[in-house]
């Protein structure tokens, strides 16, 4: 029997992996070359989650896409909790990286909370817009329009919750603008990939 890849399962796994990776990478604020704008490191990979969620939506339906958003949020909270617990456990006297661990991974808590809130809000908005536009027009336009609104909401909510008060306001604003620009560029590049994913659910489930 010929085995085929379960695209819904693959997309779901990639979505969760990208979510977790982005949260860890967001502990570093990078300066974009040429434009000299500040942005959290997670922005490099996070925009892909919007399109990956659309993949799941197209192959497993809207209800499963909604569940995936919530599952990823819970998983991110678990990871942040584990980072915190491990950080609080006594370090072996011969291990010299306790301070580095605390500085790098324990601040993930605030970032994860900001990410979870912004993720749930923006991804659920993305889901509803994708569903509406897909049924009215086509999948490519559905991905672009839903991602466009989702990434704006996500960028503003995440940046304010994650960095406001701990970074200068000018830096936070720069992060928001850079987030929107980068996510929009990645979204535009990744949008056509939706044509590679066949719809495997009834249109009523989209």
C-alpha atoms as a PDB file:
ATOM      1  CA  UNK A   1       0.000   0.000   0.000  1.00  0.00           C
ATOM      2  CA  UNK A   2       1.337   3.380  -0.991  1.00  0.00           C
ATOM      3  CA  UNK A   3       1.931   5.643   1.979  1.00  0.00           C
ATOM      4  CA  UNK A   4       1.213   9.351   1.649  1.00  0.00           C
ATOM      5  CA  UNK A   5       2.193  12.230   3.902  1.00  0.00           C
ATOM      6  CA  UNK A   6      -0.584  13.474   6.169  1.00  0.00           C
ATOM      7  CA  UNK A   7      -0.385  17.164   5.267  1.00  0.00           C
ATOM      8  CA  UNK A   8      -2.639  18.237   8.109  1.00  0.00           C
ATOM      9  CA  UNK A   9      -0.492  16.434  10.675  1.00  0.00           C
ATOM     10  CA  UNK A  10       2.751  17.718   9.133  1.00  0.00           C
ATOM     11  CA  UNK A  11       1.467  21.296   9.029  1.00  0.00           C
ATOM     12  CA  UNK A  12       0.297  21.062  12.647  1.00  0.00           C
ATOM     13  CA  UNK A  13       3.680  19.795  13.831  1.00  0.00           C
ATOM     14  CA  UNK A  14       5.498  22.535  11.917  1.00  0.00           C
ATOM     15  CA  UNK A  15       3.099  25.140  13.336  1.00  0.00           C
ATOM     16  CA  UNK A  16       3.786  24.148  16.952  1.00  0.00           C
ATOM     17  CA  UNK A  17       7.545  23.901  16.313  1.00  0.00           C
ATOM     18  CA  UNK A  18       7.608  27.375  14.765  1.00  0.00           C
ATOM     19  CA  UNK A  19       5.585  28.792  17.675  1.00  0.00           C
ATOM     20  CA  UNK A  20       7.956  27.420  20.317  1.00  0.00           C
ATOM     21  CA  UNK A  21      11.105  28.344  18.379  1.00  0.00           C
ATOM     22  CA  UNK A  22       9.887  31.901  17.819  1.00  0.00           C
ATOM     23  CA  UNK A  23       9.258  32.437  21.531  1.00  0.00           C
ATOM     24  CA  UNK A  24      12.798  31.379  22.447  1.00  0.00           C
ATOM     25  CA  UNK A  25      14.333  33.420  19.638  1.00  0.00           C
ATOM     26  CA  UNK A  26      12.349  36.468  20.766  1.00  0.00           C
ATOM     27  CA  UNK A  27      14.526  36.802  23.879  1.00  0.00           C
ATOM     28  CA  UNK A  28      17.080  38.496  21.629  1.00  0.00           C
ATOM     29  CA  UNK A  29      16.454  41.917  20.105  1.00  0.00           C
ATOM     30  CA  UNK A  30      18.307  42.245  16.829  1.00  0.00           C
ATOM     31  CA  UNK A  31      19.109  45.281  14.718  1.00  0.00           C
ATOM     32  CA  UNK A  32      18.150  44.846  11.099  1.00  0.00           C
ATOM     33  CA  UNK A  33      20.976  45.780   8.719  1.00  0.00           C
ATOM     34  CA  UNK A  34      20.505  48.651   6.282  1.00  0.00           C
ATOM     35  CA  UNK A  35      17.164  49.843   7.755  1.00  0.00           C
ATOM     36  CA  UNK A  36      18.605  49.902  11.307  1.00  0.00           C
ATOM     37  CA  UNK A  37      15.322  48.914  12.947  1.00  0.00           C
ATOM     38  CA  UNK A  38      14.983  46.853  16.127  1.00  0.00           C
ATOM     39  CA  UNK A  39      13.042  43.610  16.059  1.00  0.00           C
ATOM     40  CA  UNK A  40      12.747  40.531  18.254  1.00  0.00           C
ATOM     41  CA  UNK A  41      14.529  37.502  16.829  1.00  0.00           C
ATOM     42  CA  UNK A  42      11.364  35.408  16.734  1.00  0.00           C
ATOM     43  CA  UNK A  43      10.022  37.574  13.939  1.00  0.00           C
ATOM     44  CA  UNK A  44      12.333  35.721  11.570  1.00  0.00           C
ATOM     45  CA  UNK A  45      10.273  32.539  11.813  1.00  0.00           C
ATOM     46  CA  UNK A  46       6.955  33.479  13.439  1.00  0.00           C
ATOM     47  CA  UNK A  47       5.226  34.815  10.283  1.00  0.00           C
ATOM     48  CA  UNK A  48       5.252  31.297   8.855  1.00  0.00           C
ATOM     49  CA  UNK A  49       2.811  30.196  11.569  1.00  0.00           C
ATOM     50  CA  UNK A  50      -0.008  32.129   9.925  1.00  0.00           C
ATOM     51  CA  UNK A  51       0.404  30.293   6.631  1.00  0.00           C
ATOM     52  CA  UNK A  52       0.973  26.947   8.366  1.00  0.00           C
ATOM     53  CA  UNK A  53      -2.284  27.445  10.243  1.00  0.00           C
ATOM     54  CA  UNK A  54      -3.962  28.090   6.892  1.00  0.00           C
ATOM     55  CA  UNK A  55      -2.535  24.770   5.663  1.00  0.00           C
ATOM     56  CA  UNK A  56      -4.208  23.014   8.592  1.00  0.00           C
ATOM     57  CA  UNK A  57      -7.411  24.937   7.953  1.00  0.00           C
ATOM     58  CA  UNK A  58      -7.497  23.785   4.336  1.00  0.00           C
ATOM     59  CA  UNK A  59      -6.727  20.128   5.106  1.00  0.00           C
ATOM     60  CA  UNK A  60      -8.433  19.550   8.477  1.00  0.00           C
ATOM     61  CA  UNK A  61     -11.070  22.286   8.614  1.00  0.00           C
ATOM     62  CA  UNK A  62     -11.768  25.358  10.744  1.00  0.00           C
ATOM     63  CA  UNK A  63     -12.606  23.533  13.971  1.00  0.00           C
ATOM     64  CA  UNK A  64      -9.292  21.670  13.987  1.00  0.00           C
ATOM     65  CA  UNK A  65      -7.432  24.873  13.099  1.00  0.00           C
ATOM     66  CA  UNK A  66      -9.014  26.576  16.116  1.00  0.00           C
ATOM     67  CA  UNK A  67      -8.048  23.676  18.357  1.00  0.00           C
ATOM     68  CA  UNK A  68      -4.483  23.812  17.074  1.00  0.00           C
ATOM     69  CA  UNK A  69      -4.189  27.485  18.063  1.00  0.00           C
ATOM     70  CA  UNK A  70      -5.268  26.673  21.626  1.00  0.00           C
ATOM     71  CA  UNK A  71      -3.088  23.532  21.839  1.00  0.00           C
ATOM     72  CA  UNK A  72      -0.016  25.493  20.718  1.00  0.00           C
ATOM     73  CA  UNK A  73      -0.772  28.186  23.309  1.00  0.00           C
ATOM     74  CA  UNK A  74      -1.008  25.606  26.115  1.00  0.00           C
ATOM     75  CA  UNK A  75       2.174  23.911  24.916  1.00  0.00           C
ATOM     76  CA  UNK A  76       4.025  27.246  24.948  1.00  0.00           C
ATOM     77  CA  UNK A  77       2.924  27.847  28.543  1.00  0.00           C
ATOM     78  CA  UNK A  78       4.175  24.384  29.520  1.00  0.00           C
ATOM     79  CA  UNK A  79       7.566  25.033  27.923  1.00  0.00           C
ATOM     80  CA  UNK A  80       7.912  28.376  29.729  1.00  0.00           C
ATOM     81  CA  UNK A  81       7.012  26.693  33.022  1.00  0.00           C
ATOM     82  CA  UNK A  82       9.618  23.984  32.476  1.00  0.00           C
ATOM     83  CA  UNK A  83      12.293  26.573  31.670  1.00  0.00           C
ATOM     84  CA  UNK A  84      11.451  28.340  34.941  1.00  0.00           C
ATOM     85  CA  UNK A  85      11.479  25.140  37.029  1.00  0.00           C
ATOM     86  CA  UNK A  86      14.801  23.956  35.594  1.00  0.00           C
ATOM     87  CA  UNK A  87      16.266  27.428  36.130  1.00  0.00           C
ATOM     88  CA  UNK A  88      15.315  27.336  39.810  1.00  0.00           C
ATOM     89  CA  UNK A  89      16.839  23.917  40.433  1.00  0.00           C
ATOM     90  CA  UNK A  90      20.343  24.028  41.957  1.00  0.00           C
ATOM     91  CA  UNK A  91      23.065  23.958  39.341  1.00  0.00           C
ATOM     92  CA  UNK A  92      25.985  21.574  39.528  1.00  0.00           C
ATOM     93  CA  UNK A  93      28.987  23.505  40.953  1.00  0.00           C
ATOM     94  CA  UNK A  94      31.078  22.574  37.905  1.00  0.00           C
ATOM     95  CA  UNK A  95      28.512  23.986  35.435  1.00  0.00           C
ATOM     96  CA  UNK A  96      29.406  27.627  34.699  1.00  0.00           C
ATOM     97  CA  UNK A  97      26.327  28.680  32.684  1.00  0.00           C
ATOM     98  CA  UNK A  98      23.631  29.163  35.342  1.00  0.00           C
ATOM     99  CA  UNK A  99      23.602  32.944  34.954  1.00  0.00           C
ATOM    100  CA  UNK A 100      23.505  32.670  31.169  1.00  0.00           C
ATOM    101  CA  UNK A 101      20.607  30.219  31.412  1.00  0.00           C
ATOM    102  CA  UNK A 102      18.658  32.553  33.700  1.00  0.00           C
ATOM    103  CA  UNK A 103      19.299  35.577  31.488  1.00  0.00           C
ATOM    104  CA  UNK A 104      18.407  33.817  28.261  1.00  0.00           C
ATOM    105  CA  UNK A 105      15.621  31.356  29.031  1.00  0.00           C
ATOM    106  CA  UNK A 106      13.868  32.481  32.205  1.00  0.00           C
ATOM    107  CA  UNK A 107      12.677  35.813  30.682  1.00  0.00           C
ATOM    108  CA  UNK A 108      10.839  33.664  28.137  1.00  0.00           C
ATOM    109  CA  UNK A 109       7.947  33.716  30.635  1.00  0.00           C
ATOM    110  CA  UNK A 110       6.798  37.252  29.830  1.00  0.00           C
ATOM    111  CA  UNK A 111       7.425  36.717  26.145  1.00  0.00           C
ATOM    112  CA  UNK A 112       5.415  33.503  26.165  1.00  0.00           C
ATOM    113  CA  UNK A 113       2.491  35.158  27.958  1.00  0.00           C
ATOM    114  CA  UNK A 114       2.559  37.995  25.429  1.00  0.00           C
ATOM    115  CA  UNK A 115       2.867  35.485  22.612  1.00  0.00           C
ATOM    116  CA  UNK A 116       0.020  33.307  23.878  1.00  0.00           C
ATOM    117  CA  UNK A 117      -2.381  36.233  24.208  1.00  0.00           C
ATOM    118  CA  UNK A 118      -1.449  37.797  20.867  1.00  0.00           C
ATOM    119  CA  UNK A 119      -1.360  34.387  19.185  1.00  0.00           C
ATOM    120  CA  UNK A 120      -4.844  33.376  20.296  1.00  0.00           C
ATOM    121  CA  UNK A 121      -6.366  36.747  19.392  1.00  0.00           C
ATOM    122  CA  UNK A 122      -4.629  37.175  16.026  1.00  0.00           C
ATOM    123  CA  UNK A 123      -4.808  33.534  14.892  1.00  0.00           C
ATOM    124  CA  UNK A 124      -8.521  33.231  15.677  1.00  0.00           C
ATOM    125  CA  UNK A 125      -9.139  36.461  13.752  1.00  0.00           C
ATOM    126  CA  UNK A 126      -7.017  35.017  10.939  1.00  0.00           C
ATOM    127  CA  UNK A 127      -9.091  31.824  11.021  1.00  0.00           C
ATOM    128  CA  UNK A 128     -12.418  33.603  10.625  1.00  0.00           C
ATOM    129  CA  UNK A 129     -11.185  35.882   7.840  1.00  0.00           C
ATOM    130  CA  UNK A 130      -9.584  32.955   5.994  1.00  0.00           C
ATOM    131  CA  UNK A 131     -12.834  30.998   6.208  1.00  0.00           C
ATOM    132  CA  UNK A 132     -14.919  33.891   4.894  1.00  0.00           C
ATOM    133  CA  UNK A 133     -12.621  34.895   2.015  1.00  0.00           C
ATOM    134  CA  UNK A 134     -11.883  31.278   1.001  1.00  0.00           C
ATOM    135  CA  UNK A 135     -15.582  30.569   0.510  1.00  0.00           C
ATOM    136  CA  UNK A 136     -16.185  33.839  -1.348  1.00  0.00           C
ATOM    137  CA  UNK A 137     -13.075  34.040  -3.563  1.00  0.00           C
ATOM    138  CA  UNK A 138     -10.074  31.671  -3.468  1.00  0.00           C
ATOM    139  CA  UNK A 139      -7.384  30.231  -1.220  1.00  0.00           C
ATOM    140  CA  UNK A 140      -4.516  32.560  -2.232  1.00  0.00           C
ATOM    141  CA  UNK A 141      -6.466  35.711  -1.498  1.00  0.00           C
ATOM    142  CA  UNK A 142      -7.790  34.126   1.698  1.00  0.00           C
ATOM    143  CA  UNK A 143      -4.246  33.512   2.950  1.00  0.00           C
ATOM    144  CA  UNK A 144      -3.025  36.996   2.082  1.00  0.00           C
ATOM    145  CA  UNK A 145      -5.964  38.953   3.508  1.00  0.00           C
ATOM    146  CA  UNK A 146      -6.276  36.866   6.686  1.00  0.00           C
ATOM    147  CA  UNK A 147      -2.514  36.990   7.277  1.00  0.00           C
ATOM    148  CA  UNK A 148      -2.452  40.743   6.679  1.00  0.00           C
ATOM    149  CA  UNK A 149      -4.956  41.501   9.428  1.00  0.00           C
ATOM    150  CA  UNK A 150      -3.655  38.766  11.705  1.00  0.00           C
ATOM    151  CA  UNK A 151      -0.044  39.910  11.577  1.00  0.00           C
ATOM    152  CA  UNK A 152      -0.924  43.524  12.360  1.00  0.00           C
ATOM    153  CA  UNK A 153      -2.947  42.527  15.422  1.00  0.00           C
ATOM    154  CA  UNK A 154      -0.253  40.085  16.516  1.00  0.00           C
ATOM    155  CA  UNK A 155       2.605  42.563  16.103  1.00  0.00           C
ATOM    156  CA  UNK A 156       0.942  45.348  18.099  1.00  0.00           C
ATOM    157  CA  UNK A 157      -0.407  43.165  20.918  1.00  0.00           C
ATOM    158  CA  UNK A 158       2.747  41.047  21.267  1.00  0.00           C
ATOM    159  CA  UNK A 159       5.224  43.933  21.220  1.00  0.00           C
ATOM    160  CA  UNK A 160       3.312  45.977  23.797  1.00  0.00           C
ATOM    161  CA  UNK A 161       2.787  43.047  26.174  1.00  0.00           C
ATOM    162  CA  UNK A 162       6.318  41.637  25.790  1.00  0.00           C
ATOM    163  CA  UNK A 163       8.462  44.770  25.831  1.00  0.00           C
ATOM    164  CA  UNK A 164       6.520  47.840  27.003  1.00  0.00           C
ATOM    165  CA  UNK A 165       8.085  49.149  30.198  1.00  0.00           C
ATOM    166  CA  UNK A 166      11.254  47.075  29.877  1.00  0.00           C
ATOM    167  CA  UNK A 167      12.501  48.787  26.716  1.00  0.00           C
ATOM    168  CA  UNK A 168      12.373  52.464  25.642  1.00  0.00           C
ATOM    169  CA  UNK A 169       9.101  53.390  23.922  1.00  0.00           C
ATOM    170  CA  UNK A 170      10.970  54.296  20.740  1.00  0.00           C
ATOM    171  CA  UNK A 171      12.439  50.787  20.646  1.00  0.00           C
ATOM    172  CA  UNK A 172       9.022  49.200  21.201  1.00  0.00           C
ATOM    173  CA  UNK A 173       7.538  51.260  18.364  1.00  0.00           C
ATOM    174  CA  UNK A 174      10.456  50.276  16.155  1.00  0.00           C
ATOM    175  CA  UNK A 175       9.837  46.615  17.027  1.00  0.00           C
ATOM    176  CA  UNK A 176       6.145  46.941  16.106  1.00  0.00           C
ATOM    177  CA  UNK A 177       6.887  48.553  12.741  1.00  0.00           C
ATOM    178  CA  UNK A 178       9.671  46.109  11.932  1.00  0.00           C
ATOM    179  CA  UNK A 179       7.464  43.173  12.973  1.00  0.00           C
ATOM    180  CA  UNK A 180       4.700  44.260  10.621  1.00  0.00           C
ATOM    181  CA  UNK A 181       7.076  44.829   7.712  1.00  0.00           C
ATOM    182  CA  UNK A 182       8.959  41.553   8.105  1.00  0.00           C
ATOM    183  CA  UNK A 183       5.815  39.503   8.691  1.00  0.00           C
ATOM    184  CA  UNK A 184       4.182  41.089   5.653  1.00  0.00           C
ATOM    185  CA  UNK A 185       7.171  40.269   3.451  1.00  0.00           C
ATOM    186  CA  UNK A 186       7.333  36.662   4.689  1.00  0.00           C
ATOM    187  CA  UNK A 187       3.558  36.351   4.291  1.00  0.00           C
ATOM    188  CA  UNK A 188       3.682  37.586   0.690  1.00  0.00           C
ATOM    189  CA  UNK A 189       6.465  35.101  -0.098  1.00  0.00           C
ATOM    190  CA  UNK A 190       4.746  32.157   1.591  1.00  0.00           C
ATOM    191  CA  UNK A 191       1.188  32.857   0.404  1.00  0.00           C
ATOM    192  CA  UNK A 192       1.476  31.065  -2.992  1.00  0.00           C
ATOM    193  CA  UNK A 193       2.470  27.861  -1.164  1.00  0.00           C
ATOM    194  CA  UNK A 194      -1.194  27.355  -0.297  1.00  0.00           C
ATOM    195  CA  UNK A 195      -1.717  26.150  -3.886  1.00  0.00           C
ATOM    196  CA  UNK A 196       0.521  23.165  -3.116  1.00  0.00           C
ATOM    197  CA  UNK A 197      -1.869  22.027  -0.393  1.00  0.00           C
ATOM    198  CA  UNK A 198      -4.999  20.253  -1.646  1.00  0.00           C
ATOM    199  CA  UNK A 199      -8.300  20.853   0.126  1.00  0.00           C
ATOM    200  CA  UNK A 200      -9.198  17.574   1.804  1.00  0.00           C
ATOM    201  CA  UNK A 201     -12.311  18.669   3.714  1.00  0.00           C
ATOM    202  CA  UNK A 202     -15.747  19.699   2.532  1.00  0.00           C
ATOM    203  CA  UNK A 203     -16.139  23.399   1.760  1.00  0.00           C
ATOM    204  CA  UNK A 204     -18.640  23.680   4.614  1.00  0.00           C
ATOM    205  CA  UNK A 205     -15.840  22.761   7.055  1.00  0.00           C
ATOM    206  CA  UNK A 206     -13.559  25.571   5.889  1.00  0.00           C
END
